[in-house]
């Protein structure tokens, strides 16, 4: 890249939202050579749910908004097409997860394999020094924070402002990825980000946030699976709803339910929830609020982030979903990349397919994918 400044060059993943727009603005003003890249990851006519109204983070409006911001900032902007990889790595995994009776989190897979996989590789091929996003999180290089920069490791931390913290979805990142990552918004509250956007006249300053899964624009994952894998979905018949081992109702196909769900299970005279899903038997088990509590879990695919090795019996704060309140727990190795997590007090609605992420205060130690719950 010609004209590199002393700060270096950075590719900013521009989604067309206010956060990534401000990230690009901040880095430009700090003296980086900034290139904006927007990822095309799917087509609306293939995923359905919002055809003709492409307003999510990967729709036509997003591309146009990202380009408008880039022009306003005076930085180059490109669109890269990752649709094939995104479908095989993220969308297929999402559908398969539900068909296995799990509740997957596609953002975690996308972050690891697409943003900090393909996009980081693209940034490096352009000669960039860093990749930046609008995530609310922080990265500290080795030797800059406390006693746990063990083994010269980069440390991943929560955002300074916990209301917007997005570190939970970043536990899959490698040390190599973190060494190339900038999070310009990690120190800022959302209202300040909006203010920066307005102060700089960014076209996305007042754009509303999108909270749904990007490729399920109507937020109806059941509709999505019915349309994305219709033959497989159609093969899942109605099945039994069980309580105390006895049949108490009929469900519409196990993949249409998640742990903690109340609707669609019938009236039972008191508040009842889905407490477990058995895909092989095509059954749901339901119970009261206490039946949702789990004292432990096992998880697979462990990735240690800010510390090199998981010490057996380490005490952590464990978070089991994006908006969960972390709870005291101990973590033990279960061999072959698996861990067992024992909570100090029972935890509500632990869900296979979601992630358990381990913290020490604001420091993200590591994470794994939940595969079983212990009562």
Protein backbone atom coordinates (compact mmCIF):
# COMPACT_ATOMS: atom_id res chain seq x y z
CA UNK A 1 0.00 0.00 0.00
CA UNK A 2 1.44 3.31 -1.05
CA UNK A 3 1.59 6.21 1.35
CA UNK A 4 1.76 4.16 4.53
CA UNK A 5 1.92 6.32 7.64
CA UNK A 6 3.97 5.60 10.76
CA UNK A 7 0.82 4.14 12.35
CA UNK A 8 0.59 1.46 9.69
CA UNK A 9 -2.27 0.29 7.52
CA UNK A 10 -5.53 -1.31 8.57
CA UNK A 11 -8.47 -2.98 6.87
CA UNK A 12 -11.74 -2.11 8.60
CA UNK A 13 -14.62 -4.56 8.27
CA UNK A 14 -17.42 -2.14 7.38
CA UNK A 15 -20.90 -3.56 7.85
CA UNK A 16 -22.73 -0.36 6.97
CA UNK A 17 -23.60 0.26 10.62
CA UNK A 18 -22.60 3.10 12.91
CA UNK A 19 -20.07 1.08 14.93
CA UNK A 20 -17.83 0.02 12.06
CA UNK A 21 -18.22 3.48 10.50
CA UNK A 22 -16.90 5.14 13.66
CA UNK A 23 -14.13 2.54 13.94
CA UNK A 24 -12.92 3.57 10.46
CA UNK A 25 -13.23 7.26 11.35
CA UNK A 26 -11.24 6.92 14.58
CA UNK A 27 -8.44 4.96 12.93
CA UNK A 28 -8.20 7.43 10.05
CA UNK A 29 -7.94 10.30 12.51
CA UNK A 30 -5.29 8.44 14.53
CA UNK A 31 -3.07 8.33 11.46
CA UNK A 32 -3.62 4.87 10.02
CA UNK A 33 -3.96 4.21 6.31
CA UNK A 34 -7.50 2.82 6.28
CA UNK A 35 -9.17 0.58 3.71
CA UNK A 36 -12.83 -0.33 4.15
CA UNK A 37 -14.00 -3.79 3.14
CA UNK A 38 -17.58 -5.03 3.23
CA UNK A 39 -18.22 -8.76 3.11
CA UNK A 40 -20.97 -10.25 0.98
CA UNK A 41 -21.85 -13.43 2.83
CA UNK A 42 -25.22 -14.53 1.45
CA UNK A 43 -28.02 -13.62 -0.96
CA UNK A 44 -31.48 -12.78 0.32
CA UNK A 45 -33.16 -14.81 -2.43
CA UNK A 46 -31.39 -17.87 -1.03
CA UNK A 47 -32.09 -17.42 2.70
CA UNK A 48 -35.54 -15.79 2.46
CA UNK A 49 -37.41 -13.97 5.16
CA UNK A 50 -36.81 -10.44 3.95
CA UNK A 51 -36.57 -10.53 0.16
CA UNK A 52 -36.67 -7.05 -1.35
CA UNK A 53 -35.86 -5.37 1.96
CA UNK A 54 -32.14 -5.92 2.26
CA UNK A 55 -31.50 -3.78 5.32
CA UNK A 56 -29.47 -6.12 7.53
CA UNK A 57 -25.69 -6.00 7.95
CA UNK A 58 -25.06 -7.86 4.69
CA UNK A 59 -27.81 -6.47 2.45
CA UNK A 60 -27.68 -3.95 -0.38
CA UNK A 61 -28.42 -1.05 1.95
CA UNK A 62 -25.44 -2.06 4.06
CA UNK A 63 -23.11 -2.08 1.05
CA UNK A 64 -24.37 1.33 -0.02
CA UNK A 65 -24.09 2.81 3.49
CA UNK A 66 -20.56 1.47 3.93
CA UNK A 67 -19.53 2.95 0.59
CA UNK A 68 -21.11 6.31 1.46
CA UNK A 69 -19.16 6.39 4.74
CA UNK A 70 -15.92 5.48 2.94
CA UNK A 71 -16.42 8.28 0.41
CA UNK A 72 -17.19 10.69 3.25
CA UNK A 73 -14.00 9.68 5.07
CA UNK A 74 -11.90 9.71 1.90
CA UNK A 75 -10.83 6.08 2.19
CA UNK A 76 -10.97 3.29 -0.41
CA UNK A 77 -13.76 0.74 -0.12
CA UNK A 78 -14.18 -2.72 -1.58
CA UNK A 79 -16.74 -5.53 -1.42
CA UNK A 80 -15.49 -9.11 -1.16
CA UNK A 81 -17.66 -12.11 -1.93
CA UNK A 82 -17.43 -14.85 0.71
CA UNK A 83 -20.84 -16.37 0.03
CA UNK A 84 -19.60 -19.90 -0.72
CA UNK A 85 -17.42 -20.11 2.38
CA UNK A 86 -20.05 -18.47 4.57
CA UNK A 87 -22.66 -20.98 3.48
CA UNK A 88 -20.45 -24.01 4.09
CA UNK A 89 -18.91 -22.81 7.35
CA UNK A 90 -21.71 -20.80 8.99
CA UNK A 91 -25.15 -21.35 7.48
CA UNK A 92 -24.81 -25.12 7.08
CA UNK A 93 -23.43 -25.40 10.62
CA UNK A 94 -26.39 -23.38 11.88
CA UNK A 95 -28.96 -25.64 10.24
CA UNK A 96 -27.11 -28.79 11.28
CA UNK A 97 -26.99 -27.58 14.87
CA UNK A 98 -30.76 -27.27 15.12
CA UNK A 99 -31.26 -30.61 13.39
CA UNK A 100 -29.07 -32.14 16.10
CA UNK A 101 -31.28 -30.65 18.80
CA UNK A 102 -28.86 -27.87 19.65
CA UNK A 103 -29.08 -24.07 19.64
CA UNK A 104 -26.01 -22.85 17.72
CA UNK A 105 -24.41 -19.41 17.80
CA UNK A 106 -23.40 -18.57 14.20
CA UNK A 107 -21.66 -15.32 15.15
CA UNK A 108 -18.91 -17.23 16.93
CA UNK A 109 -18.24 -19.40 13.87
CA UNK A 110 -18.36 -16.35 11.60
CA UNK A 111 -15.90 -14.44 13.75
CA UNK A 112 -13.38 -17.26 13.82
CA UNK A 113 -13.61 -18.58 10.27
CA UNK A 114 -14.86 -15.67 8.19
CA UNK A 115 -13.86 -12.35 9.79
CA UNK A 116 -10.62 -13.53 11.41
CA UNK A 117 -10.11 -16.23 8.80
CA UNK A 118 -10.89 -15.18 5.26
CA UNK A 119 -11.11 -11.43 5.83
CA UNK A 120 -7.92 -11.29 7.88
CA UNK A 121 -6.21 -13.25 5.13
CA UNK A 122 -7.50 -10.78 2.57
CA UNK A 123 -6.24 -7.88 4.67
CA UNK A 124 -2.78 -9.44 4.89
CA UNK A 125 -2.74 -10.09 1.13
CA UNK A 126 -3.33 -6.36 0.63
CA UNK A 127 -0.28 -5.63 2.76
CA UNK A 128 -2.26 -4.37 5.74
CA UNK A 129 -0.79 -4.52 9.22
CA UNK A 130 -4.10 -4.92 11.04
CA UNK A 131 -7.75 -5.86 10.78
CA UNK A 132 -10.23 -3.72 12.72
CA UNK A 133 -13.93 -4.12 13.48
CA UNK A 134 -16.60 -2.23 15.40
CA UNK A 135 -16.77 -4.83 18.17
CA UNK A 136 -16.94 -3.58 21.75
CA UNK A 137 -13.94 -5.43 23.20
CA UNK A 138 -10.27 -4.79 23.91
CA UNK A 139 -6.94 -6.40 23.01
CA UNK A 140 -3.80 -5.87 25.06
CA UNK A 141 -0.39 -6.87 23.69
CA UNK A 142 2.05 -8.89 25.83
CA UNK A 143 3.51 -7.14 28.85
CA UNK A 144 0.90 -4.39 29.11
CA UNK A 145 -1.59 -5.56 31.69
CA UNK A 146 -1.28 -7.32 35.02
CA UNK A 147 0.21 -10.69 35.74
CA UNK A 148 -1.60 -12.81 33.19
CA UNK A 149 0.18 -11.84 30.00
CA UNK A 150 1.52 -15.39 30.34
CA UNK A 151 3.91 -16.71 27.74
CA UNK A 152 3.99 -13.41 25.89
CA UNK A 153 0.32 -13.73 24.97
CA UNK A 154 -2.11 -11.17 23.66
CA UNK A 155 -4.99 -10.67 26.08
CA UNK A 156 -8.65 -10.29 25.15
CA UNK A 157 -10.74 -8.18 27.53
CA UNK A 158 -14.30 -7.03 27.90
CA UNK A 159 -15.31 -3.60 26.70
CA UNK A 160 -14.81 -0.84 29.27
CA UNK A 161 -18.58 -0.36 29.12
CA UNK A 162 -20.20 -3.70 29.92
CA UNK A 163 -23.62 -2.81 28.52
CA UNK A 164 -22.22 -3.22 24.99
CA UNK A 165 -19.51 -5.81 25.63
CA UNK A 166 -19.15 -8.29 22.73
CA UNK A 167 -16.13 -10.28 23.89
CA UNK A 168 -18.30 -13.38 24.48
CA UNK A 169 -18.53 -13.97 20.71
CA UNK A 170 -14.75 -13.63 20.24
CA UNK A 171 -13.49 -16.53 22.34
CA UNK A 172 -12.55 -18.55 19.24
CA UNK A 173 -9.85 -16.12 18.08
CA UNK A 174 -6.24 -17.26 17.93
CA UNK A 175 -3.17 -15.46 19.22
CA UNK A 176 -2.15 -14.75 15.63
CA UNK A 177 -5.55 -13.16 14.97
CA UNK A 178 -5.39 -11.05 18.14
CA UNK A 179 -1.88 -9.85 17.25
CA UNK A 180 -3.34 -8.35 14.07
CA UNK A 181 -6.55 -6.93 15.60
CA UNK A 182 -7.64 -3.42 16.55
CA UNK A 183 -10.88 -2.66 18.44
CA UNK A 184 -11.20 1.14 18.35
CA UNK A 185 -14.51 1.13 20.27
CA UNK A 186 -13.35 -0.92 23.24
CA UNK A 187 -13.00 2.09 25.53
CA UNK A 188 -16.19 3.88 24.45
CA UNK A 189 -19.85 3.82 25.49
CA UNK A 190 -22.43 3.60 22.73
CA UNK A 191 -23.68 7.17 23.21
CA UNK A 192 -20.16 8.47 22.64
CA UNK A 193 -19.89 6.40 19.46
CA UNK A 194 -23.10 7.98 18.20
CA UNK A 195 -21.77 11.42 19.14
CA UNK A 196 -18.54 10.84 17.21
CA UNK A 197 -20.57 9.78 14.18
CA UNK A 198 -22.66 12.96 14.34
CA UNK A 199 -19.64 15.20 14.98
CA UNK A 200 -18.03 13.80 11.83
CA UNK A 201 -21.18 13.91 9.73
CA UNK A 202 -21.19 10.18 9.07
CA UNK A 203 -24.23 9.04 7.03
CA UNK A 204 -24.84 6.14 9.47
CA UNK A 205 -24.91 8.29 12.63
CA UNK A 206 -28.56 7.62 13.39
CA UNK A 207 -28.92 4.21 11.76
CA UNK A 208 -30.76 1.70 13.92
CA UNK A 209 -28.94 -1.37 15.20
CA UNK A 210 -29.74 -4.84 13.89
CA UNK A 211 -30.00 -7.58 16.51
CA UNK A 212 -31.18 -10.56 14.49
CA UNK A 213 -28.95 -13.24 12.97
CA UNK A 214 -27.86 -11.60 9.72
CA UNK A 215 -29.01 -14.39 7.39
CA UNK A 216 -32.29 -14.87 9.29
CA UNK A 217 -33.54 -11.35 8.76
CA UNK A 218 -37.07 -12.03 10.04
CA UNK A 219 -35.64 -13.69 13.17
CA UNK A 220 -37.64 -16.85 12.41
CA UNK A 221 -35.10 -19.67 12.45
CA UNK A 222 -37.88 -22.28 12.09
CA UNK A 223 -38.98 -20.75 8.79
CA UNK A 224 -35.35 -20.57 7.73
CA UNK A 225 -34.66 -24.26 8.35
CA UNK A 226 -37.93 -25.31 6.69
CA UNK A 227 -36.86 -23.43 3.56
CA UNK A 228 -33.09 -24.02 3.66
CA UNK A 229 -33.20 -27.81 4.14
CA UNK A 230 -36.85 -28.59 3.27
CA UNK A 231 -36.39 -32.30 2.63
CA UNK A 232 -34.61 -32.87 5.93
CA UNK A 233 -37.00 -30.67 7.87
CA UNK A 234 -39.98 -32.48 6.37
CA UNK A 235 -38.58 -35.81 7.58
CA UNK A 236 -38.77 -34.69 11.21
CA UNK A 237 -42.26 -35.78 12.34
CA UNK A 238 -44.32 -34.62 15.27
CA UNK A 239 -43.19 -36.26 18.48
CA UNK A 240 -43.87 -36.71 22.15
CA UNK A 241 -43.61 -34.12 24.89
CA UNK A 242 -42.58 -35.81 28.13
CA UNK A 243 -42.85 -34.81 31.76
CA UNK A 244 -41.61 -37.11 34.48
CA UNK A 245 -41.09 -39.77 31.79
CA UNK A 246 -44.76 -39.70 30.77
CA UNK A 247 -46.29 -38.38 27.56
CA UNK A 248 -48.15 -35.11 28.18
CA UNK A 249 -48.43 -33.70 24.67
CA UNK A 250 -47.20 -33.56 21.08
CA UNK A 251 -44.64 -31.23 19.53
CA UNK A 252 -44.20 -30.10 15.91
CA UNK A 253 -40.63 -31.38 15.42
CA UNK A 254 -37.82 -31.05 17.97
CA UNK A 255 -35.75 -28.57 15.94
CA UNK A 256 -38.49 -25.97 16.33
CA UNK A 257 -37.79 -25.69 20.08
CA UNK A 258 -35.00 -24.42 22.30
CA UNK A 259 -34.14 -24.88 25.96
CA UNK A 260 -36.23 -22.56 28.13
CA UNK A 261 -39.00 -22.14 25.54
CA UNK A 262 -42.57 -21.87 26.87
CA UNK A 263 -44.75 -21.47 23.80
CA UNK A 264 -45.82 -24.41 21.66
CA UNK A 265 -45.76 -27.01 24.43
CA UNK A 266 -49.41 -26.80 25.50
CA UNK A 267 -51.09 -25.78 28.74
CA UNK A 268 -50.22 -27.84 31.79
CA UNK A 269 -51.81 -25.95 34.66
CA UNK A 270 -48.59 -24.22 35.66
CA UNK A 271 -45.62 -22.51 34.06
CA UNK A 272 -43.62 -25.11 32.12
CA UNK A 273 -40.53 -24.93 29.92
CA UNK A 274 -38.58 -27.09 27.49
CA UNK A 275 -35.80 -28.54 29.66
CA UNK A 276 -34.12 -30.94 27.22
CA UNK A 277 -34.27 -32.01 23.57
CA UNK A 278 -33.58 -35.54 22.31
CA UNK A 279 -33.10 -35.34 18.54
CA UNK A 280 -32.60 -39.08 18.09
CA UNK A 281 -35.86 -39.93 19.88
CA UNK A 282 -37.65 -36.80 18.57
CA UNK A 283 -38.85 -35.96 22.08
CA UNK A 284 -38.99 -32.87 24.25
CA UNK A 285 -38.87 -33.00 28.03
CA UNK A 286 -40.60 -30.20 29.88
CA UNK A 287 -40.57 -29.11 33.51
CA UNK A 288 -40.98 -26.26 35.93
CA UNK A 289 -38.48 -23.46 36.64
CA UNK A 290 -36.37 -25.64 38.94
CA UNK A 291 -36.01 -28.26 36.19
CA UNK A 292 -34.20 -25.68 34.06
CA UNK A 293 -31.36 -25.48 36.58
CA UNK A 294 -28.06 -27.24 35.90
CA UNK A 295 -25.14 -27.58 38.29
CA UNK A 296 -22.53 -28.49 35.66
CA UNK A 297 -21.86 -28.86 31.96
CA UNK A 298 -19.40 -30.42 29.57
CA UNK A 299 -18.09 -28.57 26.55
CA UNK A 300 -15.92 -29.32 23.53
CA UNK A 301 -13.49 -27.48 21.27
CA UNK A 302 -11.76 -25.55 24.04
CA UNK A 303 -9.73 -22.53 22.94
CA UNK A 304 -7.55 -20.81 25.49
CA UNK A 305 -7.08 -17.14 24.70
CA UNK A 306 -5.40 -14.98 27.34
CA UNK A 307 -3.64 -17.81 29.17
CA UNK A 308 -1.73 -20.64 27.46
CA UNK A 309 -2.97 -23.60 29.49
CA UNK A 310 -6.16 -24.42 31.35
CA UNK A 311 -5.12 -25.23 34.91
CA UNK A 312 -7.27 -28.05 36.29
CA UNK A 313 -9.71 -26.73 38.86
CA UNK A 314 -9.19 -23.08 37.88
CA UNK A 315 -11.82 -20.76 39.33
CA UNK A 316 -13.52 -18.54 36.80
CA UNK A 317 -16.66 -16.55 36.07
CA UNK A 318 -18.51 -18.59 33.44
CA UNK A 319 -20.95 -17.08 30.95
CA UNK A 320 -23.25 -19.48 29.06
CA UNK A 321 -25.00 -17.14 26.61
CA UNK A 322 -24.50 -13.68 25.14
CA UNK A 323 -26.63 -11.76 27.65
CA UNK A 324 -25.94 -14.08 30.58
CA UNK A 325 -24.63 -12.88 33.94
CA UNK A 326 -21.31 -14.67 34.56
CA UNK A 327 -21.35 -17.03 37.54
CA UNK A 328 -18.60 -18.49 39.76
CA UNK A 329 -17.45 -21.91 38.56
CA UNK A 330 -14.52 -24.32 38.45
CA UNK A 331 -13.20 -25.76 35.19
CA UNK A 332 -11.64 -29.21 34.82
CA UNK A 333 -10.03 -30.89 31.85
CA UNK A 334 -12.07 -33.75 30.39
CA UNK A 335 -9.48 -34.74 27.76
CA UNK A 336 -9.31 -34.30 23.97
CA UNK A 337 -10.20 -30.60 23.98
CA UNK A 338 -13.13 -31.07 26.35
CA UNK A 339 -13.83 -29.51 29.73
CA UNK A 340 -16.22 -29.99 32.61
CA UNK A 341 -17.56 -26.87 34.32
CA UNK A 342 -18.97 -27.07 37.85
CA UNK A 343 -20.99 -24.06 39.01
CA UNK A 344 -20.96 -22.81 42.59
CA UNK A 345 -24.76 -22.40 42.35
CA UNK A 346 -27.17 -23.96 39.81
CA UNK A 347 -27.35 -22.13 36.50
CA UNK A 348 -30.57 -21.58 34.50
CA UNK A 349 -31.19 -22.85 30.96
CA UNK A 350 -27.72 -24.10 30.03
CA UNK A 351 -28.13 -24.90 26.33
CA UNK A 352 -26.13 -27.36 24.18
CA UNK A 353 -24.77 -25.59 21.10
CA UNK A 354 -24.23 -22.31 22.91
CA UNK A 355 -20.80 -21.35 24.23
CA UNK A 356 -19.43 -21.30 27.73
CA UNK A 357 -16.85 -18.53 28.07
CA UNK A 358 -14.47 -18.18 31.02
CA UNK A 359 -13.50 -14.83 32.54
CA UNK A 360 -11.23 -13.60 35.29
CA UNK A 361 -12.74 -10.19 35.91
CA UNK A 362 -12.64 -8.46 32.51
CA UNK A 363 -10.06 -10.89 31.13
CA UNK A 364 -11.39 -13.53 28.74
CA UNK A 365 -9.49 -16.73 29.48
CA UNK A 366 -11.05 -19.04 26.90
CA UNK A 367 -14.21 -20.78 25.80
CA UNK A 368 -15.81 -23.94 24.41
CA UNK A 369 -19.11 -25.19 22.94
CA UNK A 370 -21.58 -26.73 25.40
CA UNK A 371 -22.58 -30.30 24.56
CA UNK A 372 -24.23 -31.67 27.73
CA UNK A 373 -25.76 -30.42 30.98
CA UNK A 374 -25.44 -31.99 34.42
CA UNK A 375 -28.21 -31.62 36.95
